[in-house]
C-alpha atoms as a PDB file:
ATOM      1  CA  MET A   1       9.473 -15.978   2.604  1.00  0.00           C
ATOM      2  CA  SER A   2       9.142 -12.921   4.858  1.00  0.00           C
ATOM      3  CA  TRP A   3       9.943 -10.540   2.014  1.00  0.00           C
ATOM      4  CA  PHE A   4       7.295 -12.242  -0.106  1.00  0.00           C
ATOM      5  CA  TYR A   5       4.773 -11.687   2.706  1.00  0.00           C
ATOM      6  CA  LEU A   6       5.893  -8.087   2.993  1.00  0.00           C
ATOM      7  CA  VAL A   7       5.461  -7.335  -0.709  1.00  0.00           C
ATOM      8  CA  LEU A   8       2.011  -8.959  -0.640  1.00  0.00           C
ATOM      9  CA  ALA A   9       1.165  -6.925   2.474  1.00  0.00           C
ATOM     10  CA  GLY A  10       2.139  -3.741   0.642  1.00  0.00           C
ATOM     11  CA  LEU A  11       0.108  -4.668  -2.418  1.00  0.00           C
ATOM     12  CA  THR A  12      -2.971  -5.504  -0.359  1.00  0.00           C
ATOM     13  CA  GLU A  13      -2.470  -2.212   1.488  1.00  0.00           C
ATOM     14  CA  ILE A  14      -3.600  -0.587  -1.772  1.00  0.00           C
ATOM     15  CA  GLY A  15      -6.999  -2.301  -1.505  1.00  0.00           C
ATOM     16  CA  TRP A  16      -8.390  -0.540   1.521  1.00  0.00           C
ATOM     17  CA  PRO A  17      -8.138   3.051   0.214  1.00  0.00           C
ATOM     18  CA  ILE A  18      -9.867   1.819  -2.938  1.00  0.00           C
ATOM     19  CA  GLY A  19     -12.628   0.357  -0.770  1.00  0.00           C
ATOM     20  CA  LEU A  20     -13.003   3.679   1.038  1.00  0.00           C
ATOM     21  CA  LYS A  21     -13.168   5.487  -2.307  1.00  0.00           C
ATOM     22  CA  LEU A  22     -15.918   3.109  -3.455  1.00  0.00           C
ATOM     23  CA  ALA A  23     -17.800   3.740  -0.216  1.00  0.00           C
ATOM     24  CA  GLN A  24     -17.781   7.469  -0.995  1.00  0.00           C
ATOM     25  CA  SER A  25     -19.460   6.904  -4.357  1.00  0.00           C
ATOM     26  CA  GLY A  26     -22.777   6.238  -2.637  1.00  0.00           C
ATOM     27  CA  THR A  27     -23.852   3.267  -4.736  1.00  0.00           C
ATOM     28  CA  CYS A  28     -21.400   0.828  -3.146  1.00  0.00           C
ATOM     29  CA  LYS A  29     -21.138   2.250   0.383  1.00  0.00           C
ATOM     30  CA  TRP A  30     -21.326  -0.984   2.398  1.00  0.00           C
ATOM     31  CA  LEU A  31     -19.484  -3.034  -0.201  1.00  0.00           C
ATOM     32  CA  GLY A  32     -16.666  -0.470  -0.170  1.00  0.00           C
ATOM     33  CA  ILE A  33     -16.481  -0.439   3.629  1.00  0.00           C
ATOM     34  CA  GLY A  34     -16.454  -4.245   3.698  1.00  0.00           C
ATOM     35  CA  MET A  35     -13.735  -4.307   1.058  1.00  0.00           C
ATOM     36  CA  ALA A  36     -11.650  -1.803   3.033  1.00  0.00           C
ATOM     37  CA  ILE A  37     -11.949  -3.840   6.237  1.00  0.00           C
ATOM     38  CA  ALA A  38     -11.103  -7.100   4.451  1.00  0.00           C
ATOM     39  CA  PHE A  39      -7.985  -5.613   2.869  1.00  0.00           C
ATOM     40  CA  MET A  40      -6.917  -4.095   6.217  1.00  0.00           C
ATOM     41  CA  VAL A  41      -7.132  -7.514   7.862  1.00  0.00           C
ATOM     42  CA  ILE A  42      -5.283  -9.270   5.032  1.00  0.00           C
ATOM     43  CA  SER A  43      -2.589  -6.594   4.831  1.00  0.00           C
ATOM     44  CA  GLY A  44      -2.104  -6.486   8.602  1.00  0.00           C
ATOM     45  CA  THR A  45      -1.879 -10.267   8.824  1.00  0.00           C
ATOM     46  CA  LEU A  46       0.750 -10.402   6.091  1.00  0.00           C
ATOM     47  CA  LEU A  47       2.706  -7.619   7.801  1.00  0.00           C
ATOM     48  CA  PHE A  48       2.542  -9.612  11.046  1.00  0.00           C
ATOM     49  CA  LEU A  49       4.005 -12.644   9.268  1.00  0.00           C
ATOM     50  CA  ALA A  50       6.725 -10.568   7.591  1.00  0.00           C
ATOM     51  CA  GLN A  51       7.829  -8.976  10.880  1.00  0.00           C
ATOM     52  CA  LYS A  52       8.784 -12.343  12.314  1.00  0.00           C
ATOM     53  CA  SER A  53      12.175 -12.023  10.589  1.00  0.00           C
ATOM     54  CA  ILE A  54      12.297  -8.475   9.190  1.00  0.00           C
ATOM     55  CA  PRO A  55      12.976  -5.588  11.584  1.00  0.00           C
ATOM     56  CA  MET A  56       9.801  -3.702  12.497  1.00  0.00           C
ATOM     57  CA  GLY A  57      10.963  -0.310  11.194  1.00  0.00           C
ATOM     58  CA  THR A  58      12.089  -1.750   7.868  1.00  0.00           C
ATOM     59  CA  ALA A  59       8.914  -3.787   7.438  1.00  0.00           C
ATOM     60  CA  TYR A  60       6.669  -0.832   8.252  1.00  0.00           C
ATOM     61  CA  ALA A  61       8.520   1.545   5.917  1.00  0.00           C
ATOM     62  CA  VAL A  62       8.419  -0.934   3.035  1.00  0.00           C
ATOM     63  CA  TRP A  63       4.746  -1.746   3.699  1.00  0.00           C
ATOM     64  CA  THR A  64       3.661   1.881   3.718  1.00  0.00           C
ATOM     65  CA  GLY A  65       5.932   2.744   0.785  1.00  0.00           C
ATOM     66  CA  ILE A  66       4.428   0.077  -1.454  1.00  0.00           C
ATOM     67  CA  GLY A  67       0.942   1.038  -0.314  1.00  0.00           C
ATOM     68  CA  ALA A  68       1.505   4.769  -0.864  1.00  0.00           C
ATOM     69  CA  ALA A  69       3.093   4.384  -4.296  1.00  0.00           C
ATOM     70  CA  GLY A  70       0.515   1.832  -5.414  1.00  0.00           C
ATOM     71  CA  THR A  71      -2.396   3.952  -4.213  1.00  0.00           C
ATOM     72  CA  PHE A  72      -0.869   6.961  -5.979  1.00  0.00           C
ATOM     73  CA  LEU A  73      -0.761   5.040  -9.278  1.00  0.00           C
ATOM     74  CA  VAL A  74      -4.281   3.622  -8.886  1.00  0.00           C
ATOM     75  CA  GLY A  75      -5.548   7.129  -8.172  1.00  0.00           C
ATOM     76  CA  ILE A  76      -3.997   8.469 -11.348  1.00  0.00           C
ATOM     77  CA  LEU A  77      -5.012   5.540 -13.554  1.00  0.00           C
ATOM     78  CA  PHE A  78      -8.580   5.015 -12.339  1.00  0.00           C
ATOM     79  CA  TYR A  79      -9.726   8.080 -10.373  1.00  0.00           C
ATOM     80  CA  ASN A  80      -8.278  10.976 -12.379  1.00  0.00           C
ATOM     81  CA  ASP A  81      -6.068  12.159  -9.535  1.00  0.00           C
ATOM     82  CA  PRO A  82      -3.853  15.106 -10.497  1.00  0.00           C
ATOM     83  CA  THR A  83      -0.446  14.363 -11.892  1.00  0.00           C
ATOM     84  CA  SER A  84       2.754  16.351 -12.207  1.00  0.00           C
ATOM     85  CA  MET A  85       6.451  15.706 -12.524  1.00  0.00           C
ATOM     86  CA  VAL A  86       6.950  16.721  -8.886  1.00  0.00           C
ATOM     87  CA  ARG A  87       4.371  14.144  -7.708  1.00  0.00           C
ATOM     88  CA  TYR A  88       6.066  11.413  -9.787  1.00  0.00           C
ATOM     89  CA  MET A  89       9.445  12.399  -8.378  1.00  0.00           C
ATOM     90  CA  GLY A  90       8.042  12.164  -4.851  1.00  0.00           C
ATOM     91  CA  VAL A  91       6.848   8.622  -5.471  1.00  0.00           C
ATOM     92  CA  MET A  92      10.218   7.722  -6.991  1.00  0.00           C
ATOM     93  CA  LEU A  93      11.897   8.962  -3.796  1.00  0.00           C
ATOM     94  CA  ILE A  94       9.576   6.763  -1.723  1.00  0.00           C
ATOM     95  CA  MET A  95      10.353   3.728  -3.867  1.00  0.00           C
ATOM     96  CA  SER A  96      14.095   4.490  -3.764  1.00  0.00           C
ATOM     97  CA  GLY A  97      13.896   4.454   0.023  1.00  0.00           C
ATOM     98  CA  VAL A  98      12.083   1.106  -0.048  1.00  0.00           C
ATOM     99  CA  VAL A  99      14.785  -0.383  -2.287  1.00  0.00           C
ATOM    100  CA  LEU A 100      17.551   0.970  -0.033  1.00  0.00           C
ATOM    101  CA  LEU A 101      15.882  -0.568   3.016  1.00  0.00           C
ATOM    102  CA  LYS A 102      15.703  -3.930   1.257  1.00  0.00           C
ATOM    103  CA  PHE A 103      19.405  -3.882   0.428  1.00  0.00           C
ATOM    104  CA  ALA A 104      20.390  -2.613   3.861  1.00  0.00           C
ATOM    105  CA  HIS A 105      18.758  -5.619   5.529  1.00  0.00           C
END
């Protein structure tokens, strides 16, 4: 169950940068800030639950890896962030590290 919490924590970690991006648009400033705070609380709570049986370093690396890769993809798909083969390779390295940490546990 801890790995399930950890994956959910990583996925909800994607929500708060999106909230901050919405807050920058001007039209949704307070909604975006509220969304960012809500996702921070949810993500942090799920990480707390996951760390009960997953080592702290592993949990944190997986959490940030999922969040970083997911935010990268959301940025490209919805916010026209720049893309290149080198950027994709960087994200693949992050995800490879996450997978290795899962199997090393």
